[in-house]
Protein backbone atom coordinates (compact mmCIF):
# COMPACT_ATOMS: atom_id res chain seq x y z
CA UNK A 1 79.15 71.77 161.65
CA UNK A 2 76.72 74.54 162.42
CA UNK A 3 75.84 76.98 159.58
CA UNK A 4 77.15 79.95 161.54
CA UNK A 5 80.56 78.35 162.07
CA UNK A 6 80.72 77.40 158.35
CA UNK A 7 80.05 81.00 157.37
CA UNK A 8 82.71 82.26 159.83
CA UNK A 9 85.31 79.85 158.44
CA UNK A 10 84.46 80.78 154.87
CA UNK A 11 84.71 84.49 155.60
CA UNK A 12 87.97 84.02 157.48
CA UNK A 13 89.42 82.07 154.57
CA UNK A 14 88.24 84.74 152.10
CA UNK A 15 89.85 87.50 154.21
CA UNK A 16 93.13 85.64 154.46
CA UNK A 17 93.13 85.04 150.71
CA UNK A 18 92.39 88.73 149.99
CA UNK A 19 95.25 89.77 152.31
CA UNK A 20 97.62 87.29 150.70
CA UNK A 21 96.59 88.53 147.22
CA UNK A 22 97.11 92.13 148.21
CA UNK A 23 100.58 91.36 149.59
CA UNK A 24 101.45 89.55 146.32
CA UNK A 25 100.32 92.56 144.28
CA UNK A 26 102.35 94.97 146.34
CA UNK A 27 105.43 92.73 145.95
CA UNK A 28 104.94 92.50 142.17
CA UNK A 29 104.36 96.24 141.83
CA UNK A 30 107.63 96.94 143.67
CA UNK A 31 109.56 94.58 141.46
CA UNK A 32 107.89 95.91 138.30
CA UNK A 33 108.70 99.52 139.22
CA UNK A 34 112.42 98.76 139.67
CA UNK A 35 112.88 96.51 136.64
CA UNK A 36 114.04 97.94 133.26
CA UNK A 37 111.12 96.74 131.16
CA UNK A 38 111.82 96.18 127.44
CA UNK A 39 109.42 95.05 124.73
CA UNK A 40 111.35 94.00 121.60
CA UNK A 41 108.54 94.30 119.10
CA UNK A 42 105.98 97.10 118.96
CA UNK A 43 104.08 97.95 115.76
CA UNK A 44 102.95 101.34 116.93
CA UNK A 45 104.41 103.07 113.81
CA UNK A 46 101.46 101.59 111.96
CA UNK A 47 99.21 103.71 114.21
CA UNK A 48 101.57 106.70 114.03
CA UNK A 49 101.16 106.79 110.26
CA UNK A 50 97.44 107.59 110.70
CA UNK A 51 96.64 111.31 110.55
CA UNK A 52 94.37 111.22 113.62
CA UNK A 53 96.84 109.39 115.89
CA UNK A 54 99.00 111.34 118.33
CA UNK A 55 101.37 109.10 120.30
CA UNK A 56 101.65 111.72 123.10
CA UNK A 57 97.92 111.37 123.88
CA UNK A 58 96.23 108.53 125.75
CA UNK A 59 94.11 106.38 123.48
CA UNK A 60 91.58 103.64 124.19
CA UNK A 61 92.12 100.25 122.55
CA UNK A 62 88.43 99.39 122.86
CA UNK A 63 87.51 102.42 120.73
CA UNK A 64 90.28 102.82 118.25
CA UNK A 65 92.13 99.51 118.50
CA UNK A 66 95.45 101.12 119.48
CA UNK A 67 97.54 99.54 122.22
CA UNK A 68 100.55 101.80 122.63
CA UNK A 69 101.16 105.48 123.35
CA UNK A 70 103.50 107.37 125.64
CA UNK A 71 100.96 107.90 128.45
CA UNK A 72 100.00 104.25 128.58
CA UNK A 73 103.64 103.21 128.44
CA UNK A 74 104.25 105.39 131.50
CA UNK A 75 101.18 104.18 133.43
CA UNK A 76 102.02 100.54 132.70
CA UNK A 77 105.66 100.92 133.65
CA UNK A 78 106.90 100.20 130.13
CA UNK A 79 110.41 101.73 130.07
CA UNK A 80 111.51 100.76 126.55
CA UNK A 81 110.14 99.43 123.31
CA UNK A 82 111.64 98.59 119.96
CA UNK A 83 109.42 100.40 117.48
CA UNK A 84 109.19 98.33 114.30
CA UNK A 85 110.00 99.65 110.86
CA UNK A 86 107.61 97.21 109.17
CA UNK A 87 107.11 96.97 105.41
CA UNK A 88 104.97 94.12 104.01
CA UNK A 89 106.62 92.05 101.28
CA UNK A 90 106.17 93.28 97.76
CA UNK A 91 107.77 92.72 94.35
CA UNK A 92 111.46 91.74 94.42
CA UNK A 93 112.45 93.99 91.55
CA UNK A 94 114.69 97.07 91.45
CA UNK A 95 111.54 99.20 91.54
CA UNK A 96 110.04 97.17 94.38
CA UNK A 97 113.24 97.36 96.39
CA UNK A 98 113.37 101.10 95.91
CA UNK A 99 109.76 101.40 97.07
CA UNK A 100 110.52 99.32 100.17
CA UNK A 101 113.46 101.56 101.04
CA UNK A 102 111.33 104.69 100.56
CA UNK A 103 108.60 103.30 102.85
CA UNK A 104 111.17 102.31 105.48
CA UNK A 105 112.74 105.81 105.48
CA UNK A 106 109.34 107.33 105.98
CA UNK A 107 108.77 105.20 109.02
CA UNK A 108 112.17 106.15 110.42
CA UNK A 109 111.14 109.78 109.92
CA UNK A 110 107.85 109.21 111.68
CA UNK A 111 109.66 107.87 114.75
CA UNK A 112 112.35 110.57 114.77
CA UNK A 113 109.76 113.36 114.30
CA UNK A 114 107.73 112.12 117.26
CA UNK A 115 110.82 112.00 119.45
CA UNK A 116 111.89 115.49 118.44
CA UNK A 117 108.33 116.71 119.09
CA UNK A 118 108.17 115.22 122.61
CA UNK A 119 111.78 115.31 123.96
CA UNK A 120 110.61 115.54 127.59
CA UNK A 121 108.59 112.38 127.27
CA UNK A 122 110.71 110.00 125.13
CA UNK A 123 114.14 109.64 123.60
CA UNK A 124 115.90 107.46 121.02
CA UNK A 125 118.09 104.70 122.49
CA UNK A 126 120.69 102.68 120.59
CA UNK A 127 122.63 101.14 123.46
CA UNK A 128 121.83 99.61 126.91
CA UNK A 129 123.49 102.62 128.49
CA UNK A 130 121.02 104.88 126.63
CA UNK A 131 118.13 102.78 127.85
CA UNK A 132 119.13 102.85 131.51
CA UNK A 133 119.93 106.58 131.39
CA UNK A 134 116.54 107.37 129.82
CA UNK A 135 114.77 105.21 132.40
CA UNK A 136 116.59 107.09 135.19
CA UNK A 137 115.32 110.34 133.66
CA UNK A 138 111.78 108.87 133.88
CA UNK A 139 111.27 109.08 130.15
CA UNK A 140 110.38 106.32 127.66
CA UNK A 141 113.24 104.80 125.63
CA UNK A 142 112.53 104.13 121.98
CA UNK A 143 114.77 101.60 120.24
CA UNK A 144 114.29 100.81 116.57
CA UNK A 145 113.97 97.44 114.89
CA UNK A 146 113.13 96.54 111.31
CA UNK A 147 110.63 93.86 110.36
CA UNK A 148 111.41 92.45 106.93
CA UNK A 149 114.90 92.54 105.39
CA UNK A 150 113.32 93.34 102.05
CA UNK A 151 113.95 96.99 102.91
CA UNK A 152 117.65 96.33 102.47
CA UNK A 153 117.10 95.51 98.80
CA UNK A 154 120.23 94.29 97.04
CA UNK A 155 122.41 97.05 98.46
CA UNK A 156 124.38 96.20 101.63
CA UNK A 157 125.22 99.88 102.13
CA UNK A 158 121.58 100.36 103.17
CA UNK A 159 122.44 98.53 106.39
CA UNK A 160 124.85 101.29 107.46
CA UNK A 161 122.24 103.94 106.44
CA UNK A 162 119.62 102.32 108.68
CA UNK A 163 122.17 101.73 111.49
CA UNK A 164 123.00 105.41 111.50
CA UNK A 165 119.28 106.17 111.84
CA UNK A 166 119.23 104.11 115.02
CA UNK A 167 118.33 100.60 113.76
CA UNK A 168 119.54 97.87 116.09
CA UNK A 169 117.86 94.70 114.75
CA UNK A 170 116.40 93.33 111.54
CA UNK A 171 113.89 90.50 111.22
CA UNK A 172 115.39 88.86 108.12
CA UNK A 173 112.03 88.09 106.46
CA UNK A 174 108.33 88.52 107.10
CA UNK A 175 105.49 86.32 105.90
CA UNK A 176 106.94 85.69 102.42
CA UNK A 177 110.33 84.70 101.04
CA UNK A 178 112.61 87.56 100.08
CA UNK A 179 116.10 87.82 98.52
CA UNK A 180 117.72 87.07 101.87
CA UNK A 181 116.03 83.87 103.03
CA UNK A 182 112.96 81.66 103.18
CA UNK A 183 110.07 82.68 105.44
CA UNK A 184 108.14 80.30 107.69
CA UNK A 185 104.91 81.62 106.25
CA UNK A 186 105.32 81.65 102.46
CA UNK A 187 102.53 79.55 100.89
CA UNK A 188 104.85 78.68 97.99
CA UNK A 189 107.30 76.98 100.33
CA UNK A 190 111.09 77.06 100.30
CA UNK A 191 113.06 78.94 97.70
CA UNK A 192 116.64 78.71 98.99
CA UNK A 193 116.24 75.98 101.63
CA UNK A 194 117.44 78.55 104.13
CA UNK A 195 119.67 81.59 103.59
CA UNK A 196 120.48 82.71 100.06
CA UNK A 197 124.12 83.48 99.25
CA UNK A 198 123.15 87.12 99.41
CA UNK A 199 121.52 86.51 102.78
CA UNK A 200 124.85 85.19 104.07
CA UNK A 201 126.47 88.53 103.17
CA UNK A 202 123.60 90.35 104.90
CA UNK A 203 124.15 88.40 108.14
CA UNK A 204 127.92 88.99 108.03
CA UNK A 205 127.43 92.75 107.51
CA UNK A 206 124.83 92.93 110.32
CA UNK A 207 127.38 91.26 112.61
CA UNK A 208 130.06 93.73 111.52
CA UNK A 209 127.87 96.75 112.19
CA UNK A 210 126.33 95.55 115.44
CA UNK A 211 122.76 95.08 114.15
CA UNK A 212 121.15 92.13 115.94
CA UNK A 213 119.91 89.37 113.64
CA UNK A 214 116.29 88.53 114.37
CA UNK A 215 115.11 85.09 113.30
CA UNK A 216 111.39 85.54 114.03
CA UNK A 217 109.36 84.75 110.87
CA UNK A 218 112.14 82.78 109.17
CA UNK A 219 111.89 79.16 108.13
CA UNK A 220 113.47 76.44 110.23
CA UNK A 221 116.17 75.87 107.62
CA UNK A 222 116.95 79.58 107.58
CA UNK A 223 117.34 79.56 111.38
CA UNK A 224 119.86 76.73 111.25
CA UNK A 225 121.80 78.43 108.44
CA UNK A 226 121.93 81.66 110.44
CA UNK A 227 122.98 79.91 113.69
CA UNK A 228 125.95 78.28 111.85
CA UNK A 229 127.06 81.55 110.28
CA UNK A 230 126.55 84.29 112.85
CA UNK A 231 129.39 85.46 115.04
CA UNK A 232 127.02 87.37 117.33
CA UNK A 233 124.10 86.22 119.53
CA UNK A 234 120.69 86.27 117.89
CA UNK A 235 117.22 87.27 118.99
CA UNK A 236 113.79 85.93 118.13
CA UNK A 237 112.14 89.27 118.81
CA UNK A 238 108.53 88.02 118.81
CA UNK A 239 108.22 84.28 118.74
CA UNK A 240 106.87 81.63 121.11
CA UNK A 241 107.31 77.90 121.81
CA UNK A 242 106.19 75.33 119.24
CA UNK A 243 106.01 72.68 122.01
CA UNK A 244 103.09 74.61 123.55
CA UNK A 245 101.50 75.93 120.37
CA UNK A 246 102.24 74.06 117.14
CA UNK A 247 102.67 76.98 114.74
CA UNK A 248 105.51 77.35 112.20
CA UNK A 249 106.10 80.86 113.50
CA UNK A 250 107.15 79.42 116.85
CA UNK A 251 110.45 77.82 117.75
CA UNK A 252 110.99 74.13 118.41
CA UNK A 253 112.82 73.00 121.58
CA UNK A 254 115.86 72.10 119.46
CA UNK A 255 115.91 75.63 118.01
CA UNK A 256 115.59 77.19 121.46
CA UNK A 257 118.52 75.08 122.70
CA UNK A 258 120.62 76.17 119.72
CA UNK A 259 119.68 79.81 120.32
CA UNK A 260 120.67 79.50 123.99
CA UNK A 261 124.02 77.92 123.03
CA UNK A 262 124.54 80.92 120.71
CA UNK A 263 123.91 83.24 123.69
CA UNK A 264 120.69 84.53 122.18
CA UNK A 265 117.19 85.23 123.51
CA UNK A 266 113.64 84.28 122.46
CA UNK A 267 111.17 87.10 123.23
CA UNK A 268 107.70 85.63 123.76
CA UNK A 269 104.99 86.80 121.36
CA UNK A 270 101.48 87.70 122.52
CA UNK A 271 99.67 87.09 119.21
CA UNK A 272 96.83 84.69 120.25
CA UNK A 273 97.39 82.00 117.64
CA UNK A 274 101.14 81.85 118.51
CA UNK A 275 100.35 81.49 122.25
CA UNK A 276 97.53 78.97 122.21
CA UNK A 277 96.39 76.68 119.37
CA UNK A 278 93.16 78.06 117.92
CA UNK A 279 90.25 76.03 116.57
CA UNK A 280 90.59 74.91 112.96
CA UNK A 281 87.94 77.37 111.79
CA UNK A 282 89.60 80.21 113.69
CA UNK A 283 93.05 79.32 112.34
CA UNK A 284 91.92 79.26 108.71
CA UNK A 285 90.10 82.60 109.06
CA UNK A 286 93.08 84.28 110.73
CA UNK A 287 95.55 82.90 108.21
CA UNK A 288 93.54 84.08 105.26
CA UNK A 289 93.17 87.61 106.59
CA UNK A 290 96.80 87.81 107.63
CA UNK A 291 98.07 86.81 104.19
CA UNK A 292 95.88 89.55 102.65
CA UNK A 293 97.25 92.09 105.11
CA UNK A 294 100.93 91.24 104.62
CA UNK A 295 101.02 92.00 100.92
CA UNK A 296 102.65 95.36 100.21
CA UNK A 297 100.30 95.87 97.25
CA UNK A 298 97.25 96.09 99.59
CA UNK A 299 95.55 99.46 99.11
CA UNK A 300 94.47 101.72 102.01
CA UNK A 301 90.79 100.91 101.37
CA UNK A 302 91.51 97.17 101.25
CA UNK A 303 93.49 97.49 104.49
CA UNK A 304 90.54 99.13 106.22
CA UNK A 305 88.23 96.32 105.07
CA UNK A 306 90.69 93.72 106.36
CA UNK A 307 90.89 95.57 109.74
CA UNK A 308 87.11 95.49 110.00
CA UNK A 309 87.12 91.77 109.23
CA UNK A 310 89.68 91.27 111.99
CA UNK A 311 87.50 93.15 114.46
CA UNK A 312 84.55 90.87 113.63
CA UNK A 313 86.77 87.82 113.95
CA UNK A 314 88.07 88.99 117.36
CA UNK A 315 84.49 89.42 118.64
CA UNK A 316 83.51 86.00 117.27
CA UNK A 317 86.41 84.21 119.01
CA UNK A 318 86.83 86.54 122.04
CA UNK A 319 86.09 83.84 124.63
CA UNK A 320 88.89 81.68 123.17
CA UNK A 321 91.59 84.37 123.63
CA UNK A 322 94.65 83.11 125.57
CA UNK A 323 95.48 84.80 128.88
CA UNK A 324 98.51 86.15 130.74
CA UNK A 325 98.75 82.68 132.27
CA UNK A 326 99.20 81.14 128.82
CA UNK A 327 101.94 83.63 127.94
CA UNK A 328 103.84 82.91 131.15
CA UNK A 329 103.55 79.19 130.40
CA UNK A 330 105.76 79.90 127.35
CA UNK A 331 108.24 81.80 129.55
CA UNK A 332 108.25 78.85 131.96
CA UNK A 333 108.90 76.43 129.15
CA UNK A 334 111.99 78.33 127.97
CA UNK A 335 113.32 78.66 131.52
CA UNK A 336 112.94 74.99 132.19
CA UNK A 337 114.51 74.12 128.85
CA UNK A 338 117.55 76.44 128.71
CA UNK A 339 117.55 78.64 131.81
CA UNK A 340 116.56 82.17 132.83
CA UNK A 341 119.13 83.96 130.63
CA UNK A 342 117.50 83.23 127.26
CA UNK A 343 113.92 84.52 127.46
CA UNK A 344 112.38 87.96 127.07
CA UNK A 345 109.21 89.66 125.97
CA UNK A 346 108.16 90.85 122.48
CA UNK A 347 104.43 91.46 122.66
CA UNK A 348 103.76 92.47 119.03
CA UNK A 349 101.13 94.98 120.16
CA UNK A 350 99.47 97.02 117.38
CA UNK A 351 100.46 94.05 115.22
CA UNK A 352 98.05 91.46 116.61
CA UNK A 353 99.49 90.83 120.08
CA UNK A 354 96.68 90.68 122.66
CA UNK A 355 95.84 88.35 125.51
CA UNK A 356 93.29 88.55 128.29
CA UNK A 357 94.94 90.46 131.13
CA UNK A 358 97.30 92.34 128.84
CA UNK A 359 95.34 93.99 126.03
CA UNK A 360 97.36 97.16 125.90
CA UNK A 361 100.69 98.41 127.21
CA UNK A 362 99.19 99.88 130.37
CA UNK A 363 98.48 96.36 131.64
CA UNK A 364 101.94 94.84 131.45
CA UNK A 365 102.18 94.75 135.24
CA UNK A 366 99.95 91.67 135.08
CA UNK A 367 102.82 89.76 133.48
CA UNK A 368 105.07 90.59 136.44
CA UNK A 369 102.31 89.63 138.84
CA UNK A 370 101.96 86.23 137.26
CA UNK A 371 105.71 85.68 137.35
CA UNK A 372 105.72 86.54 141.07
CA UNK A 373 102.82 84.11 141.64
CA UNK A 374 104.99 81.37 140.17
CA UNK A 375 107.91 82.13 142.43
CA UNK A 376 110.20 84.02 140.08
CA UNK A 377 112.67 86.20 142.01
CA UNK A 378 113.15 89.94 141.38
CA UNK A 379 116.51 89.12 139.76
CA UNK A 380 114.87 86.62 137.39
CA UNK A 381 112.12 89.06 136.49
CA UNK A 382 114.63 91.83 135.72
CA UNK A 383 116.39 89.40 133.30
CA UNK A 384 113.13 88.41 131.60
CA UNK A 385 111.87 91.98 131.23
CA UNK A 386 115.00 93.65 129.93
CA UNK A 387 118.42 92.53 131.08
CA UNK A 388 118.67 89.49 128.77
CA UNK A 389 117.87 91.62 125.71
CA UNK A 390 120.26 94.37 126.72
CA UNK A 391 122.99 91.76 127.22
CA UNK A 392 122.57 90.59 123.62
CA UNK A 393 122.53 94.16 122.36
CA UNK A 394 125.77 94.87 124.24
CA UNK A 395 127.39 91.69 122.95
CA UNK A 396 126.51 92.56 119.34
CA UNK A 397 128.08 95.96 119.82
CA UNK A 398 131.25 94.46 121.39
CA UNK A 399 131.70 91.88 118.62
CA UNK A 400 131.09 94.52 115.95
CA UNK A 401 133.96 96.64 117.31
CA UNK A 402 136.24 93.60 117.15
CA UNK A 403 135.18 92.76 113.57
CA UNK A 404 135.70 96.33 112.45
CA UNK A 405 139.33 96.20 113.64
CA UNK A 406 140.12 93.27 111.36
């Protein structure tokens, strides 16, 4: 073949590929724009607690490490997020429990204050109807979840208090055991071999109120105790698949099947070491820093030092970061295992969630694009992005009304 003809064929192929790619992007953008996009786990309140952070202003994650604000939610087409009321595990004493409650209430106040300050931009949502109405008004919907049931203390009436403040899910534990259940991450291992007797009462009351039970972070035995007890469908608000990344924070295939049978949803997490198995050195370094960070007793100065160490670690292992393709592999796995109705997205941004191609909330369209590449229909994508989660929220609300009549 003559060189000139080879060049012509190469250029023709390149042009056809570019045209095909552009057509794919237009299709994905159209689907993304129409879908009700919901992220079930956003740690932006951690940033909101900082004096120099204004959620109404656009920030740059490369400069300040933040991944979420209202302008970037809008530009990325992020319609709704569950802002996390996160409190790291501390002492399980009356004083410790009171401190956890106080910290939680301050975070609720942070969220409510921001929403009152910017009513034309964002609004509190507690139901799917709220979410869809707010989307139609072209504003951002803010749902509220709680990460770590420690904030309940030993007083079940706190559940109603938090519910009335807009809370619609609780992650039963975080990285350490609490009075409710065993965590998947506690270095001391199991304490109750699942749910405690008090934890059983917590789950029942959450069902009665219509607060979704979130089993991310809990131990395997806790998961199976919860699945036997709950009368409402569960969520795993920010977990991934253990079959693809062998991490205790992820769910096994058997757990995902049980969750699907329950009518629940696993929302895929974007934290790198839950998406793709890191090297041994990387894993040890991350685990050590994370354990330091999760302790409630960590001072502000110590927290800053840990954040700096994380930044250094991220630079050191930047080339090993998973990508959007790796995230969608987890979505694919769930769909093949239990069907399209049981998977969602919980990115864990501002809490460690970051993959190449989706490093802040403005880039979430890349997830939709990858789903389109793999042949997912607009209907499927709507389910993944929001409809599955809203269905579980609605079902919890419906069952709660029935339980309250008894």
